[in-house]
Protein backbone atom coordinates (compact mmCIF):
# COMPACT_ATOMS: atom_id res chain seq x y z
CA MET A 1 -47.42 106.99 -65.54
CA SER A 2 -50.72 107.48 -63.12
CA ALA A 3 -50.46 106.21 -59.31
CA GLU A 4 -52.25 102.69 -58.54
CA PRO A 5 -54.94 102.71 -56.74
CA GLN A 6 -57.07 104.91 -58.00
CA ARG A 7 -59.93 104.30 -55.97
CA ARG A 8 -62.06 106.25 -54.01
CA ARG A 9 -64.58 105.25 -51.16
CA GLU A 10 -67.95 106.77 -50.85
CA ALA A 11 -69.75 107.14 -47.65
CA SER A 12 -72.50 109.45 -47.02
CA VAL A 13 -75.97 109.77 -47.47
CA SER A 14 -77.18 108.25 -50.43
CA THR A 15 -78.25 111.16 -53.20
CA ILE A 16 -79.46 108.39 -56.01
CA ARG A 17 -82.88 109.22 -56.91
CA ASP A 18 -82.51 108.31 -60.70
CA VAL A 19 -81.42 104.95 -61.95
CA ALA A 20 -80.42 103.70 -65.52
CA ILE A 21 -80.58 99.64 -65.87
CA PHE A 22 -79.35 97.99 -69.18
CA ALA A 23 -80.05 94.14 -69.69
CA LYS A 24 -78.67 90.99 -71.47
CA PRO A 25 -82.62 90.99 -73.07
CA HIS A 26 -82.15 87.64 -74.04
CA ASP A 27 -80.87 85.94 -70.79
CA PRO A 28 -83.53 83.97 -68.74
CA ARG A 29 -82.65 85.20 -66.16
CA SER A 30 -83.20 89.03 -66.47
CA PRO A 31 -87.01 89.68 -66.21
CA ALA A 32 -86.64 87.96 -62.91
CA VAL A 33 -83.79 90.46 -61.98
CA ILE A 34 -85.01 93.29 -63.51
CA ARG A 35 -88.81 92.68 -61.30
CA GLN A 36 -86.52 92.20 -58.02
CA LEU A 37 -84.44 95.61 -58.70
CA GLY A 38 -87.71 97.46 -59.76
CA GLU A 39 -89.15 96.14 -56.01
CA ILE A 40 -86.29 97.64 -54.21
CA LEU A 41 -85.51 100.63 -56.19
CA ARG A 42 -89.71 101.88 -55.94
CA ALA A 43 -89.02 101.29 -52.18
CA ASP A 44 -86.67 103.93 -52.20
CA LYS A 45 -88.59 105.97 -54.41
CA VAL A 46 -85.68 105.49 -57.01
CA ASN A 47 -86.98 106.87 -60.68
CA ILE A 48 -86.10 104.33 -63.29
CA ARG A 49 -84.90 104.26 -66.69
CA PHE A 50 -84.30 101.79 -69.34
CA ASP A 51 -82.63 101.19 -73.25
CA GLU A 52 -85.34 100.18 -75.30
CA ALA A 53 -85.20 96.24 -75.27
CA THR A 54 -84.57 96.42 -71.06
CA TRP A 55 -88.04 98.87 -71.00
CA GLU A 56 -89.88 95.54 -72.87
CA LEU A 57 -88.85 93.13 -70.48
CA ALA A 58 -89.54 95.87 -67.24
CA GLU A 59 -93.15 96.34 -68.64
CA ARG A 60 -94.04 92.46 -69.04
CA GLN A 61 -92.67 92.16 -65.15
CA GLY A 62 -94.80 95.05 -63.99
CA VAL A 63 -92.03 97.58 -63.41
CA ALA A 64 -92.73 100.88 -64.55
CA GLY A 65 -90.00 103.74 -66.10
CA ALA A 66 -88.73 105.37 -68.88
CA GLY A 67 -87.36 104.15 -72.06
CA GLY A 68 -84.84 105.03 -75.10
CA PRO A 69 -81.49 105.21 -76.16
CA ARG A 70 -78.45 104.45 -74.13
CA ASP A 71 -76.61 107.60 -74.21
CA ALA A 72 -80.20 109.38 -73.55
CA MET A 73 -81.24 107.78 -70.56
CA THR A 74 -77.90 107.78 -68.89
CA ARG A 75 -77.91 111.73 -68.69
CA GLY A 76 -78.02 113.03 -65.49
CA VAL A 77 -78.53 109.63 -64.01
CA ASP A 78 -76.90 109.32 -60.44
CA LEU A 79 -76.22 104.95 -61.12
CA VAL A 80 -76.24 102.77 -63.80
CA ILE A 81 -76.65 98.97 -63.37
CA VAL A 82 -75.83 96.49 -66.21
CA LEU A 83 -77.19 93.08 -66.42
CA GLY A 84 -75.62 90.73 -67.97
CA GLY A 85 -71.72 89.60 -69.03
CA ASP A 86 -68.81 91.41 -69.54
CA GLY A 87 -69.57 92.24 -73.64
CA THR A 88 -72.96 93.73 -72.31
CA LEU A 89 -71.03 95.95 -69.61
CA LEU A 90 -68.39 97.06 -72.74
CA SER A 91 -71.41 98.32 -75.00
CA VAL A 92 -72.55 100.24 -72.32
CA ALA A 93 -69.64 101.83 -71.49
CA ARG A 94 -69.37 103.17 -74.88
CA GLU A 95 -72.57 104.45 -75.15
CA MET A 96 -72.90 106.22 -72.13
CA ALA A 97 -73.57 109.74 -72.11
CA ASP A 98 -70.65 110.34 -69.26
CA PRO A 99 -68.70 107.32 -67.76
CA ALA A 100 -68.19 109.14 -64.73
CA ILE A 101 -71.61 108.05 -63.48
CA PRO A 102 -71.17 105.07 -61.46
CA LEU A 103 -71.71 102.01 -63.09
CA LEU A 104 -72.74 98.66 -61.06
CA ALA A 105 -71.93 95.87 -63.04
CA VAL A 106 -73.85 91.99 -62.01
CA ASN A 107 -72.70 89.07 -63.65
CA LEU A 108 -75.30 87.27 -65.76
CA GLY A 109 -72.39 85.86 -68.18
CA SER A 110 -69.77 82.71 -67.73
CA LEU A 111 -66.40 84.34 -66.98
CA GLY A 112 -67.35 87.90 -65.83
CA PHE A 113 -63.90 89.76 -65.35
CA LEU A 114 -66.03 92.72 -65.20
CA THR A 115 -69.17 91.90 -64.17
CA GLU A 116 -67.98 90.84 -60.77
CA VAL A 117 -71.21 90.99 -58.76
CA ARG A 118 -73.00 87.71 -58.62
CA LEU A 119 -76.58 87.34 -58.50
CA ASP A 120 -76.36 86.23 -55.12
CA ASP A 121 -75.02 89.28 -53.82
CA LEU A 122 -77.16 91.41 -55.50
CA ARG A 123 -79.82 92.72 -52.85
CA VAL A 124 -76.97 93.47 -50.14
CA THR A 125 -74.65 95.12 -52.56
CA LEU A 126 -77.26 97.51 -54.23
CA ARG A 127 -78.56 97.99 -50.82
CA ALA A 128 -75.09 99.50 -49.54
CA VAL A 129 -74.77 101.88 -52.57
CA LEU A 130 -78.22 103.15 -52.32
CA ASP A 131 -77.36 103.64 -48.64
CA GLY A 132 -73.94 105.70 -49.76
CA GLU A 133 -71.59 103.41 -48.69
CA PHE A 134 -69.58 101.85 -51.86
CA GLU A 135 -66.14 102.13 -53.47
CA VAL A 136 -65.37 103.24 -56.68
CA GLU A 137 -62.88 101.62 -58.80
CA GLU A 138 -61.48 104.23 -61.66
CA ARG A 139 -60.92 102.51 -64.90
CA LEU A 140 -58.49 103.88 -67.90
CA MET A 141 -60.49 104.17 -71.57
CA LEU A 142 -59.14 104.96 -74.80
CA SER A 143 -59.87 107.38 -77.38
CA VAL A 144 -59.45 105.86 -80.93
CA VAL A 145 -59.35 107.63 -84.46
CA VAL A 146 -59.01 106.73 -87.64
CA ARG A 147 -57.22 109.06 -90.53
CA ARG A 148 -57.40 108.98 -93.90
CA GLU A 149 -56.19 111.40 -96.06
CA GLY A 150 -55.34 113.91 -93.82
CA GLY A 151 -59.33 113.35 -92.79
CA VAL A 152 -61.28 111.72 -90.07
CA VAL A 153 -63.24 108.34 -91.19
CA ALA A 154 -64.08 107.01 -87.60
CA SER A 155 -63.57 108.50 -83.62
CA HIS A 156 -64.94 106.16 -80.72
CA ARG A 157 -64.22 105.53 -77.01
CA VAL A 158 -63.10 101.90 -75.98
CA LEU A 159 -62.65 100.29 -72.52
CA ASN A 160 -60.98 97.10 -73.50
CA ASP A 161 -59.04 97.09 -76.69
CA ALA A 162 -58.58 98.29 -80.02
CA VAL A 163 -57.48 95.55 -82.54
CA ILE A 164 -55.86 95.84 -86.23
CA ASN A 165 -56.26 92.57 -87.47
CA LYS A 166 -56.09 90.77 -90.99
CA ALA A 167 -58.94 88.57 -92.84
CA ALA A 168 -56.77 86.56 -95.52
CA LEU A 169 -55.24 83.76 -94.34
CA ALA A 170 -50.85 82.76 -94.54
CA ARG A 171 -50.61 86.78 -95.08
CA ILE A 172 -48.95 89.39 -93.02
CA ILE A 173 -49.53 93.17 -92.86
CA ASP A 174 -47.06 95.78 -91.94
CA LEU A 175 -47.82 98.07 -89.06
CA GLU A 176 -45.46 100.70 -88.81
CA ALA A 177 -45.85 102.07 -85.04
CA ARG A 178 -45.09 105.28 -83.01
CA VAL A 179 -45.30 106.13 -79.66
CA ASP A 180 -45.39 110.35 -78.96
CA GLU A 181 -43.97 110.51 -82.70
CA CYS A 182 -40.62 108.28 -81.95
CA TYR A 183 -40.62 105.52 -84.39
CA VAL A 184 -40.68 101.97 -82.49
CA THR A 185 -40.77 99.22 -84.76
CA THR A 186 -42.74 97.95 -87.70
CA TYR A 187 -44.82 95.10 -87.02
CA LYS A 188 -44.88 92.41 -89.46
CA ALA A 189 -47.43 90.31 -87.79
CA ASP A 190 -51.28 89.70 -88.18
CA GLY A 191 -52.29 92.12 -86.09
CA LEU A 192 -51.86 94.63 -83.11
CA ILE A 193 -53.94 94.86 -80.27
CA ILE A 194 -54.00 98.28 -78.35
CA SER A 195 -55.31 97.66 -74.92
CA THR A 196 -56.01 99.05 -71.99
CA PRO A 197 -55.41 97.44 -67.94
CA THR A 198 -58.80 96.17 -67.73
CA GLY A 199 -58.58 94.84 -71.72
CA SER A 200 -54.95 93.03 -70.83
CA THR A 201 -57.22 89.56 -69.64
CA ALA A 202 -59.09 89.66 -73.11
CA TYR A 203 -57.93 89.25 -76.37
CA SER A 204 -54.13 90.61 -75.10
CA LEU A 205 -54.01 87.72 -72.68
CA SER A 206 -54.80 84.85 -75.37
CA ALA A 207 -52.15 86.66 -77.60
CA GLY A 208 -49.32 86.53 -74.89
CA GLY A 209 -49.96 89.97 -73.33
CA PRO A 210 -49.09 90.50 -69.84
CA ILE A 211 -51.75 90.89 -66.87
CA VAL A 212 -51.96 93.97 -65.54
CA THR A 213 -53.53 95.50 -62.28
CA PRO A 214 -56.56 97.37 -64.05
CA THR A 215 -56.10 100.84 -62.16
CA LEU A 216 -52.73 100.88 -63.39
CA GLY A 217 -51.94 103.80 -65.74
CA ALA A 218 -50.75 101.88 -68.68
CA ILE A 219 -51.56 101.26 -72.03
CA ILE A 220 -50.53 97.62 -73.67
CA LEU A 221 -49.51 96.81 -77.53
CA THR A 222 -49.11 93.41 -78.30
CA PRO A 223 -48.78 91.62 -81.71
CA ILE A 224 -50.63 89.44 -82.86
CA CYS A 225 -48.58 86.13 -84.52
CA PRO A 226 -45.25 88.11 -85.26
CA HIS A 227 -43.16 87.14 -88.01
CA THR A 228 -40.46 87.99 -85.78
CA LEU A 229 -40.14 85.91 -82.61
CA THR A 230 -38.43 89.05 -80.80
CA MET A 231 -41.24 91.15 -80.72
CA ARG A 232 -42.83 91.29 -77.74
CA PRO A 233 -45.52 93.03 -75.62
CA LEU A 234 -44.68 96.43 -74.97
CA VAL A 235 -46.24 98.77 -71.43
CA ILE A 236 -46.17 101.97 -72.09
CA ARG A 237 -47.71 105.13 -70.19
CA ASP A 238 -50.95 105.99 -70.31
CA ASP A 239 -50.36 109.55 -71.10
CA SER A 240 -48.65 108.41 -74.42
CA ALA A 241 -49.60 108.95 -77.99
CA VAL A 242 -49.81 105.72 -80.01
CA ALA A 243 -50.01 106.07 -84.19
CA VAL A 244 -50.04 102.99 -85.84
CA THR A 245 -49.51 103.36 -90.07
CA LEU A 246 -50.79 100.89 -92.02
CA GLY A 247 -48.46 99.54 -94.90
CA ASP A 248 -49.54 98.57 -98.47
CA HIS A 249 -51.71 95.25 -98.64
CA SER A 250 -54.08 93.24 -100.30
CA CYS A 251 -55.87 91.74 -97.86
CA GLU A 252 -58.60 92.93 -95.82
CA VAL A 253 -57.78 94.89 -92.88
CA THR A 254 -60.05 95.76 -89.89
CA LEU A 255 -60.30 97.58 -86.91
CA THR A 256 -62.41 96.09 -84.30
CA LEU A 257 -63.68 98.23 -81.08
CA ASP A 258 -63.87 96.13 -77.88
CA GLY A 259 -64.51 93.20 -79.90
CA GLN A 260 -68.17 94.72 -81.14
CA VAL A 261 -67.61 97.51 -83.30
CA GLY A 262 -65.50 96.92 -87.16
CA VAL A 263 -63.92 99.81 -88.61
CA SER A 264 -62.62 98.79 -92.57
CA LEU A 265 -59.28 100.02 -93.02
CA SER A 266 -57.46 101.23 -96.33
CA PRO A 267 -53.80 101.21 -96.96
CA ARG A 268 -51.78 104.13 -95.30
CA ASP A 269 -54.66 104.76 -93.09
CA VAL A 270 -53.57 105.95 -89.20
CA VAL A 271 -54.85 104.12 -85.99
CA LEU A 272 -54.40 107.06 -83.33
CA VAL A 273 -55.04 106.07 -79.41
CA SER A 274 -54.82 107.80 -76.28
CA SER A 275 -55.83 107.81 -72.87
CA ALA A 276 -59.60 109.15 -73.45
CA GLN A 277 -60.56 112.11 -71.14
CA GLU A 278 -63.30 110.54 -69.05
CA ARG A 279 -62.62 107.48 -67.27
CA LEU A 280 -65.52 104.89 -66.11
CA HIS A 281 -66.44 105.02 -62.40
CA LEU A 282 -66.71 101.05 -61.80
CA LEU A 283 -68.40 100.14 -58.36
CA ARG A 284 -66.62 97.17 -56.66
CA SER A 285 -67.77 94.32 -55.08
CA PRO A 286 -67.26 94.41 -51.37
CA ARG A 287 -66.67 90.91 -51.53
CA ALA A 288 -64.07 90.79 -54.60
CA ASP A 289 -60.88 92.01 -55.63
CA PHE A 290 -58.63 91.56 -58.66
CA PHE A 291 -57.02 88.94 -57.55
CA SER A 292 -59.23 86.63 -56.26
CA VAL A 293 -61.19 87.22 -59.40
CA LEU A 294 -58.08 85.65 -61.36
CA ARG A 295 -57.99 82.63 -59.39
CA THR A 296 -61.53 82.16 -59.61
CA LYS A 297 -61.35 82.75 -63.29
CA LEU A 298 -58.62 81.26 -64.74
CA ARG A 299 -58.28 78.70 -62.14
CA TRP A 300 -55.04 79.63 -60.82
CA GLY A 301 -53.53 76.59 -58.02
CA GLU A 302 -55.89 74.13 -59.23
CA ARG A 303 -54.09 70.91 -60.52
């Protein structure tokens, strides 16, 4: 299991010359924040790139830059800035050409476990980043592959979780789980969540899974409404390989990736999950830590 913490502090002369900005386009605060970022980055002679939706907002605000698909716009940049909620960050993390590019996540949403930099702290935080003073936290990502009749029908990289779930009411599905080719059990349940430590505060938490510190090297298996109440969440090493085989069924079953991408599954499909080679490099806010985020977002200590 990987040692905790997986953090690295950088303190050197800034080499940031190219920055990609991706915003939640329909958030009314996005235009003003893009304008503010443009002013700061232009003063430092930093080149700016946008995805298509953010580029349209930037042009209306008079912020010059290049625009295009996210994977293309992140190639060769020194920093990625995400404006939005956790959902926006999850989509960017999947679409980045290289997750090792430092990512600064600014919270425009409500909950914001991942996007922890507040708007009030944006100018100070960005100044520290441009001056080469920041802390990088590496987050485990998962490689998810779906095999059908010996062939690969889907392959994705996720930051939070891969969820196998059924659509029909009053039905359960059989999910045979193996870890490193060792038989674990056949879950008879509504579904199964396979999550990273980052994803432990998402759907897994709602299904009764444990909260895991995000830099810990682990993979969490959390059954959804298991028929056998003794089937509890399971935490395994992050270098383990998980294989889940879907049993015969007559209802619709879907694999959902980070709550945003869906893959329809057929009987006897095998979902293979393992640690991705790449890890997301998330810049930490100097004014927050994981436990303060938990206390704030989950209202710990309040009566």
